[in-house]
Amino acid sequence: MRKTLFTIGYEGLSPDRLHAALKAADVAVLADVRAVANSRKRGFSKGALKAGLTEAGLGYEHFRGLGTPKSGREAARAHDAGLMRRIYCEEVLDTADGGLALDALAELAAERPVCLLCFERDPARCHRRVLAERLAPRGFDTVDLYGDFL
């Protein structure tokens, strides 16, 4: 039986809209896959994000080990998704630590509905898409939360 893995980018969202989208999709846990869980956007730094989710009845887990390294984030900001993907795979997913972090994420997502969070709104330009592709052979289908959910 296949499981659903959700993804969302908080670009353009308020914390309330994020919570509403997660609840509408019946997500139980937000998996923060940013290397650096800080944000200039109010409510999206790790502490504030976790507190707001807890208040909304949602779980929070930070998977720092699945975040994009600085060079990958720079490639993404330059709209070079191919370079971002290559950097991300080589420096994160294809390492022993990255494999262990991906295993931990898969285990959590097999137990409860999980949504991957990063900043980038468009999943095609974000490492969330790479994570979803790596989890597909493990029995996960992906739903990107934007459009109808927001």
Protein backbone atom coordinates (compact mmCIF):
# COMPACT_ATOMS: atom_id res chain seq x y z
CA MET A 1 0.00 0.00 0.00
CA ARG A 2 1.43 3.37 -1.03
CA LYS A 3 1.66 6.28 1.41
CA THR A 4 1.31 9.97 0.61
CA LEU A 5 4.14 12.38 1.28
CA PHE A 6 3.23 16.06 1.16
CA THR A 7 5.51 19.01 0.41
CA ILE A 8 5.07 22.75 0.86
CA GLY A 9 7.11 25.91 0.42
CA TYR A 10 6.31 28.76 2.78
CA GLU A 11 7.21 31.50 0.28
CA GLY A 12 4.19 33.82 0.23
CA LEU A 13 2.46 32.10 3.17
CA SER A 14 1.56 33.26 6.64
CA PRO A 15 1.81 30.78 9.52
CA ASP A 16 -2.01 30.63 9.65
CA ARG A 17 -2.24 29.71 5.95
CA LEU A 18 0.45 27.08 6.45
CA HIS A 19 -1.45 25.54 9.37
CA ALA A 20 -4.71 25.59 7.40
CA ALA A 21 -3.11 23.85 4.40
CA LEU A 22 -1.56 21.17 6.60
CA LYS A 23 -4.83 20.53 8.42
CA ALA A 24 -6.81 20.42 5.15
CA ALA A 25 -4.45 17.68 3.93
CA ASP A 26 -4.64 15.80 7.26
CA VAL A 27 -0.90 16.19 7.84
CA ALA A 28 0.27 15.17 11.32
CA VAL A 29 3.93 16.26 11.25
CA LEU A 30 5.80 19.01 9.44
CA ALA A 31 9.28 17.85 8.48
CA ASP A 32 11.48 20.93 8.18
CA VAL A 33 14.14 20.02 5.61
CA ARG A 34 16.04 23.31 5.70
CA ALA A 35 19.73 23.15 6.59
CA VAL A 36 19.32 26.44 8.43
CA ALA A 37 15.92 26.71 10.09
CA ASN A 38 16.05 30.48 10.39
CA SER A 39 13.92 32.89 8.44
CA ARG A 40 13.51 36.63 8.13
CA LYS A 41 9.84 35.88 7.63
CA ARG A 42 7.97 36.13 10.92
CA GLY A 43 6.81 32.79 12.30
CA PHE A 44 9.07 30.60 10.19
CA SER A 45 12.25 30.35 12.27
CA LYS A 46 12.54 27.01 14.03
CA GLY A 47 11.37 28.03 17.51
CA ALA A 48 8.42 30.12 16.38
CA LEU A 49 7.46 27.60 13.71
CA LYS A 50 7.50 24.70 16.17
CA ALA A 51 5.52 26.67 18.78
CA GLY A 52 2.88 27.71 16.25
CA LEU A 53 2.51 24.17 14.93
CA THR A 54 2.23 22.75 18.44
CA GLU A 55 -0.47 25.30 19.24
CA ALA A 56 -2.28 24.24 16.06
CA GLY A 57 -2.11 20.58 17.11
CA LEU A 58 0.59 19.63 14.60
CA GLY A 59 3.97 18.00 15.11
CA TYR A 60 7.36 19.35 14.06
CA GLU A 61 10.63 17.60 13.25
CA HIS A 62 13.75 19.30 11.94
CA PHE A 63 15.74 17.17 9.49
CA ARG A 64 18.77 19.44 9.29
CA GLY A 65 20.78 16.65 7.67
CA LEU A 66 18.46 16.79 4.64
CA GLY A 67 18.92 20.50 4.05
CA THR A 68 20.58 21.96 0.99
CA PRO A 69 24.19 23.11 1.44
CA LYS A 70 24.97 26.78 0.85
CA SER A 71 26.27 26.18 -2.68
CA GLY A 72 23.03 24.38 -3.54
CA ARG A 73 20.91 27.21 -2.13
CA GLU A 74 22.93 29.67 -4.21
CA ALA A 75 22.28 27.58 -7.35
CA ALA A 76 18.56 27.51 -6.55
CA ARG A 77 18.48 31.31 -6.08
CA ALA A 78 20.20 31.61 -9.48
CA HIS A 79 17.36 29.48 -10.94
CA ASP A 80 19.75 26.64 -11.82
CA ALA A 81 17.72 23.65 -10.63
CA GLY A 82 20.04 21.18 -12.37
CA LEU A 83 23.10 22.43 -10.49
CA MET A 84 21.16 22.57 -7.21
CA ARG A 85 20.07 18.95 -7.73
CA ARG A 86 23.62 17.78 -8.51
CA ILE A 87 25.08 19.54 -5.48
CA TYR A 88 22.30 18.27 -3.23
CA CYS A 89 22.66 14.66 -4.32
CA GLU A 90 26.47 14.63 -4.20
CA GLU A 91 26.89 16.52 -0.94
CA VAL A 92 23.84 15.30 0.98
CA LEU A 93 21.80 12.34 -0.28
CA ASP A 94 24.66 10.24 -1.62
CA THR A 95 26.54 10.39 1.69
CA ALA A 96 26.22 7.98 4.60
CA ASP A 97 24.73 10.66 6.87
CA GLY A 98 22.29 11.75 4.18
CA GLY A 99 21.18 8.16 3.69
CA LEU A 100 20.56 7.75 7.40
CA ALA A 101 18.58 11.00 7.55
CA LEU A 102 16.50 9.90 4.54
CA ASP A 103 15.84 6.56 6.27
CA ALA A 104 14.64 8.39 9.40
CA LEU A 105 12.33 10.59 7.32
CA ALA A 106 10.92 7.54 5.50
CA GLU A 107 10.30 5.80 8.83
CA LEU A 108 8.41 8.80 10.21
CA ALA A 109 6.40 9.24 7.00
CA ALA A 110 5.43 5.56 7.03
CA GLU A 111 3.95 5.99 10.51
CA ARG A 112 2.17 9.35 10.19
CA PRO A 113 1.20 11.79 7.41
CA VAL A 114 4.24 14.05 6.89
CA CYS A 115 4.77 17.25 4.92
CA LEU A 116 8.24 18.42 3.87
CA LEU A 117 8.81 22.16 4.35
CA CYS A 118 11.27 24.52 2.71
CA PHE A 119 11.04 28.13 1.52
CA GLU A 120 10.74 27.73 -2.28
CA ARG A 121 7.10 27.76 -3.39
CA ASP A 122 7.73 25.85 -6.65
CA PRO A 123 8.65 22.26 -5.78
CA ALA A 124 10.34 21.78 -9.16
CA ARG A 125 13.00 24.30 -8.08
CA CYS A 126 13.47 22.86 -4.58
CA HIS A 127 15.25 19.91 -3.04
CA ARG A 128 11.87 18.72 -1.73
CA ARG A 129 11.31 17.29 -5.22
CA VAL A 130 14.58 15.35 -5.03
CA LEU A 131 13.61 13.94 -1.64
CA ALA A 132 10.20 12.93 -2.98
CA GLU A 133 11.83 11.19 -5.95
CA ARG A 134 14.14 9.27 -3.61
CA LEU A 135 11.19 8.19 -1.46
CA ALA A 136 8.96 7.10 -4.37
CA PRO A 137 10.61 3.64 -4.70
CA ARG A 138 9.95 3.15 -0.99
CA GLY A 139 6.20 3.36 -1.60
CA PHE A 140 5.47 7.10 -1.37
CA ASP A 141 3.38 9.21 -3.71
CA THR A 142 3.86 12.97 -3.48
CA VAL A 143 1.31 15.77 -3.23
CA ASP A 144 2.61 19.33 -3.39
CA LEU A 145 0.46 21.60 -1.25
CA TYR A 146 -0.30 24.79 -3.11
CA GLY A 147 -3.04 25.93 -5.41
CA ASP A 148 -6.28 24.39 -4.12
CA PHE A 149 -4.91 23.94 -0.60
CA LEU A 150 -3.93 27.59 -0.23
